[in-house]
Amino acid sequence: MTALRKTLLVEEEPLVATAVARAPAAKLYVVTAKAPAEAAAAAPEPAGTIKNIALFLVAPFIGLAYIVAMPLVGLGLLAVLAARAAAKFTAVRTLAVALKHIGLLLAAPMIGLAYVVFFPALCLALLAWTGGRAVAGMR
């Protein structure tokens, strides 16, 4: 037996008196220097290298974004906790409902304007997309 290939052989006597055909067990494992799949995976792709270089150059800015965002996340968490604590009072809940209605009343014209401005462009884009799919399906 070599170090690279090991097989398990059954060498014990059976516990019962009947004869049992003995056969070597299947190979447990085979170790090779480099498997073909590993050799193919070891070669770096040019796109992967460029991506890694880009991530290396952008990493400080991502870290800076996290550093800048942390105080804002903390303040948001404090605001949520304060709102939950204040919501236990009936007067605060009533005020919140009134402010919600006022905010929706003020936002309604802007939402209507967004519908008027963006829906025609959206519908034209959907029409062009559907027409493109129909033309591509004809070929």
C-alpha atoms as a PDB file:
ATOM      1  CA  MET A   1       0.000   0.000   0.000  1.00  0.00           C
ATOM      2  CA  THR A   2       1.171   3.518  -0.729  1.00  0.00           C
ATOM      3  CA  ALA A   3       0.525   6.725   1.136  1.00  0.00           C
ATOM      4  CA  LEU A   4      -1.586   8.071  -1.721  1.00  0.00           C
ATOM      5  CA  ARG A   5      -3.965   5.112  -1.996  1.00  0.00           C
ATOM      6  CA  LYS A   6      -5.356   3.313   0.957  1.00  0.00           C
ATOM      7  CA  THR A   7      -7.975   0.637   0.884  1.00  0.00           C
ATOM      8  CA  LEU A   8      -9.709  -0.917   3.765  1.00  0.00           C
ATOM      9  CA  LEU A   9      -9.436  -4.677   3.871  1.00  0.00           C
ATOM     10  CA  VAL A  10     -11.580  -6.796   6.093  1.00  0.00           C
ATOM     11  CA  GLU A  11      -9.281  -9.238   7.931  1.00  0.00           C
ATOM     12  CA  GLU A  12     -11.404 -10.303  10.867  1.00  0.00           C
ATOM     13  CA  GLU A  13     -13.145 -13.631  11.183  1.00  0.00           C
ATOM     14  CA  PRO A  14     -16.938 -13.576  11.017  1.00  0.00           C
ATOM     15  CA  LEU A  15     -18.810 -13.957  14.278  1.00  0.00           C
ATOM     16  CA  VAL A  16     -21.174 -16.561  12.850  1.00  0.00           C
ATOM     17  CA  ALA A  17     -20.139 -19.962  11.547  1.00  0.00           C
ATOM     18  CA  THR A  18     -21.336 -19.367   7.973  1.00  0.00           C
ATOM     19  CA  ALA A  19     -18.811 -18.501   5.337  1.00  0.00           C
ATOM     20  CA  VAL A  20     -18.866 -14.902   4.194  1.00  0.00           C
ATOM     21  CA  ALA A  21     -17.321 -13.807   0.939  1.00  0.00           C
ATOM     22  CA  ARG A  22     -14.690 -11.224   1.691  1.00  0.00           C
ATOM     23  CA  ALA A  23     -14.031  -8.420  -0.693  1.00  0.00           C
ATOM     24  CA  PRO A  24     -11.961  -5.306  -0.243  1.00  0.00           C
ATOM     25  CA  ALA A  25     -13.951  -2.206   0.492  1.00  0.00           C
ATOM     26  CA  ALA A  26     -14.117   0.644  -1.964  1.00  0.00           C
ATOM     27  CA  LYS A  27     -11.345   3.216  -1.932  1.00  0.00           C
ATOM     28  CA  LEU A  28     -11.863   5.716   0.821  1.00  0.00           C
ATOM     29  CA  TYR A  29      -9.918   8.491  -0.833  1.00  0.00           C
ATOM     30  CA  VAL A  30      -7.274   9.217  -3.426  1.00  0.00           C
ATOM     31  CA  VAL A  31      -4.816  12.067  -3.012  1.00  0.00           C
ATOM     32  CA  THR A  32      -3.226  13.482  -6.125  1.00  0.00           C
ATOM     33  CA  ALA A  33      -0.786  16.319  -6.585  1.00  0.00           C
ATOM     34  CA  LYS A  34      -3.287  18.528  -8.413  1.00  0.00           C
ATOM     35  CA  ALA A  35      -6.724  17.557  -9.534  1.00  0.00           C
ATOM     36  CA  PRO A  36      -7.689  18.834 -13.012  1.00  0.00           C
ATOM     37  CA  ALA A  37     -10.535  20.918 -11.566  1.00  0.00           C
ATOM     38  CA  GLU A  38      -8.190  22.557  -9.053  1.00  0.00           C
ATOM     39  CA  ALA A  39      -5.603  23.256 -11.736  1.00  0.00           C
ATOM     40  CA  ALA A  40      -8.226  24.962 -13.892  1.00  0.00           C
ATOM     41  CA  ALA A  41      -9.562  26.945 -10.942  1.00  0.00           C
ATOM     42  CA  ALA A  42      -6.077  28.046  -9.908  1.00  0.00           C
ATOM     43  CA  ALA A  43      -5.600  30.190 -13.018  1.00  0.00           C
ATOM     44  CA  PRO A  44      -6.969  33.673 -12.200  1.00  0.00           C
ATOM     45  CA  GLU A  45      -9.379  35.198 -14.642  1.00  0.00           C
ATOM     46  CA  PRO A  46      -8.547  38.687 -15.942  1.00  0.00           C
ATOM     47  CA  ALA A  47     -11.997  39.985 -14.991  1.00  0.00           C
ATOM     48  CA  GLY A  48     -11.593  38.657 -11.449  1.00  0.00           C
ATOM     49  CA  THR A  49      -8.196  40.344 -11.145  1.00  0.00           C
ATOM     50  CA  ILE A  50      -9.579  43.677 -12.318  1.00  0.00           C
ATOM     51  CA  LYS A  51     -12.476  43.326  -9.882  1.00  0.00           C
ATOM     52  CA  ASN A  52     -10.083  42.632  -7.008  1.00  0.00           C
ATOM     53  CA  ILE A  53      -7.943  45.649  -7.908  1.00  0.00           C
ATOM     54  CA  ALA A  54     -11.038  47.857  -8.079  1.00  0.00           C
ATOM     55  CA  LEU A  55     -12.242  46.600  -4.684  1.00  0.00           C
ATOM     56  CA  PHE A  56      -8.771  47.234  -3.249  1.00  0.00           C
ATOM     57  CA  LEU A  57      -8.871  50.835  -4.467  1.00  0.00           C
ATOM     58  CA  VAL A  58     -12.450  51.455  -3.324  1.00  0.00           C
ATOM     59  CA  ALA A  59     -12.129  49.782   0.102  1.00  0.00           C
ATOM     60  CA  PRO A  60     -11.041  52.958   1.981  1.00  0.00           C
ATOM     61  CA  PHE A  61     -14.055  54.841   0.674  1.00  0.00           C
ATOM     62  CA  ILE A  62     -16.385  52.012   1.712  1.00  0.00           C
ATOM     63  CA  GLY A  63     -14.850  52.134   5.192  1.00  0.00           C
ATOM     64  CA  LEU A  64     -15.293  55.908   5.250  1.00  0.00           C
ATOM     65  CA  ALA A  65     -18.959  55.497   4.322  1.00  0.00           C
ATOM     66  CA  TYR A  66     -19.395  53.123   7.262  1.00  0.00           C
ATOM     67  CA  ILE A  67     -17.652  55.583   9.595  1.00  0.00           C
ATOM     68  CA  VAL A  68     -19.845  58.463   8.424  1.00  0.00           C
ATOM     69  CA  ALA A  69     -23.032  56.383   8.580  1.00  0.00           C
ATOM     70  CA  MET A  70     -22.505  55.020  12.101  1.00  0.00           C
ATOM     71  CA  PRO A  71     -23.525  58.212  13.967  1.00  0.00           C
ATOM     72  CA  LEU A  72     -26.582  58.539  11.730  1.00  0.00           C
ATOM     73  CA  VAL A  73     -27.552  54.924  12.399  1.00  0.00           C
ATOM     74  CA  GLY A  74     -27.104  55.502  16.132  1.00  0.00           C
ATOM     75  CA  LEU A  75     -29.265  58.628  16.061  1.00  0.00           C
ATOM     76  CA  GLY A  76     -31.914  56.750  14.067  1.00  0.00           C
ATOM     77  CA  LEU A  77     -31.889  53.969  16.653  1.00  0.00           C
ATOM     78  CA  LEU A  78     -32.301  56.505  19.463  1.00  0.00           C
ATOM     79  CA  ALA A  79     -35.192  58.144  17.593  1.00  0.00           C
ATOM     80  CA  VAL A  80     -36.943  54.784  17.117  1.00  0.00           C
ATOM     81  CA  LEU A  81     -36.499  53.883  20.778  1.00  0.00           C
ATOM     82  CA  ALA A  82     -37.780  57.307  21.855  1.00  0.00           C
ATOM     83  CA  ALA A  83     -40.796  57.029  19.549  1.00  0.00           C
ATOM     84  CA  ARG A  84     -41.640  53.580  20.927  1.00  0.00           C
ATOM     85  CA  ALA A  85     -41.387  54.869  24.483  1.00  0.00           C
ATOM     86  CA  ALA A  86     -43.499  57.937  23.666  1.00  0.00           C
ATOM     87  CA  ALA A  87     -46.137  55.843  21.870  1.00  0.00           C
ATOM     88  CA  LYS A  88     -47.244  54.490  25.240  1.00  0.00           C
ATOM     89  CA  PHE A  89     -48.998  57.798  25.932  1.00  0.00           C
ATOM     90  CA  THR A  90     -52.419  58.453  24.392  1.00  0.00           C
ATOM     91  CA  ALA A  91     -51.761  62.148  23.748  1.00  0.00           C
ATOM     92  CA  VAL A  92     -48.612  61.370  21.773  1.00  0.00           C
ATOM     93  CA  ARG A  93     -50.438  58.765  19.663  1.00  0.00           C
ATOM     94  CA  THR A  94     -53.220  61.249  18.900  1.00  0.00           C
ATOM     95  CA  LEU A  95     -50.667  63.895  17.906  1.00  0.00           C
ATOM     96  CA  ALA A  96     -48.842  61.361  15.696  1.00  0.00           C
ATOM     97  CA  VAL A  97     -52.065  60.468  13.858  1.00  0.00           C
ATOM     98  CA  ALA A  98     -52.850  64.168  13.311  1.00  0.00           C
ATOM     99  CA  LEU A  99     -49.328  64.840  11.996  1.00  0.00           C
ATOM    100  CA  LYS A 100     -49.603  61.824   9.696  1.00  0.00           C
ATOM    101  CA  HIS A 101     -52.823  63.179   8.172  1.00  0.00           C
ATOM    102  CA  ILE A 102     -51.295  66.623   7.723  1.00  0.00           C
ATOM    103  CA  GLY A 103     -48.195  65.132   6.103  1.00  0.00           C
ATOM    104  CA  LEU A 104     -50.269  63.057   3.685  1.00  0.00           C
ATOM    105  CA  LEU A 105     -52.371  66.110   2.842  1.00  0.00           C
ATOM    106  CA  LEU A 106     -49.231  68.086   1.999  1.00  0.00           C
ATOM    107  CA  ALA A 107     -47.627  65.192   0.058  1.00  0.00           C
ATOM    108  CA  ALA A 108     -50.678  64.375  -2.080  1.00  0.00           C
ATOM    109  CA  PRO A 109     -50.102  67.088  -4.741  1.00  0.00           C
ATOM    110  CA  MET A 110     -46.447  66.039  -5.100  1.00  0.00           C
ATOM    111  CA  ILE A 111     -47.420  62.377  -5.469  1.00  0.00           C
ATOM    112  CA  GLY A 112     -50.040  63.331  -8.090  1.00  0.00           C
ATOM    113  CA  LEU A 113     -47.440  65.387  -9.974  1.00  0.00           C
ATOM    114  CA  ALA A 114     -45.042  62.431  -9.934  1.00  0.00           C
ATOM    115  CA  TYR A 115     -47.755  60.215 -11.424  1.00  0.00           C
ATOM    116  CA  VAL A 116     -48.510  62.758 -14.164  1.00  0.00           C
ATOM    117  CA  VAL A 117     -44.828  63.228 -15.040  1.00  0.00           C
ATOM    118  CA  PHE A 118     -43.474  59.681 -14.810  1.00  0.00           C
ATOM    119  CA  PHE A 119     -46.348  57.445 -15.920  1.00  0.00           C
ATOM    120  CA  PRO A 120     -46.321  58.460 -19.617  1.00  0.00           C
ATOM    121  CA  ALA A 121     -42.573  57.830 -19.823  1.00  0.00           C
ATOM    122  CA  LEU A 122     -42.964  54.572 -17.925  1.00  0.00           C
ATOM    123  CA  CYS A 123     -45.771  53.428 -20.213  1.00  0.00           C
ATOM    124  CA  LEU A 124     -43.729  54.265 -23.330  1.00  0.00           C
ATOM    125  CA  ALA A 125     -40.769  52.305 -21.961  1.00  0.00           C
ATOM    126  CA  LEU A 126     -43.002  49.309 -21.196  1.00  0.00           C
ATOM    127  CA  LEU A 127     -44.540  49.510 -24.657  1.00  0.00           C
ATOM    128  CA  ALA A 128     -41.085  49.566 -26.283  1.00  0.00           C
ATOM    129  CA  TRP A 129     -39.950  46.649 -24.120  1.00  0.00           C
ATOM    130  CA  THR A 130     -43.004  44.577 -25.009  1.00  0.00           C
ATOM    131  CA  GLY A 131     -42.574  45.410 -28.694  1.00  0.00           C
ATOM    132  CA  GLY A 132     -38.891  44.454 -28.527  1.00  0.00           C
ATOM    133  CA  ARG A 133     -39.750  41.110 -26.950  1.00  0.00           C
ATOM    134  CA  ALA A 134     -42.367  40.506 -29.655  1.00  0.00           C
ATOM    135  CA  VAL A 135     -39.885  41.311 -32.443  1.00  0.00           C
ATOM    136  CA  ALA A 136     -37.201  39.125 -30.830  1.00  0.00           C
ATOM    137  CA  GLY A 137     -39.694  36.280 -30.501  1.00  0.00           C
ATOM    138  CA  MET A 138     -40.569  36.433 -34.207  1.00  0.00           C
ATOM    139  CA  ARG A 139     -37.032  35.589 -35.296  1.00  0.00           C
END
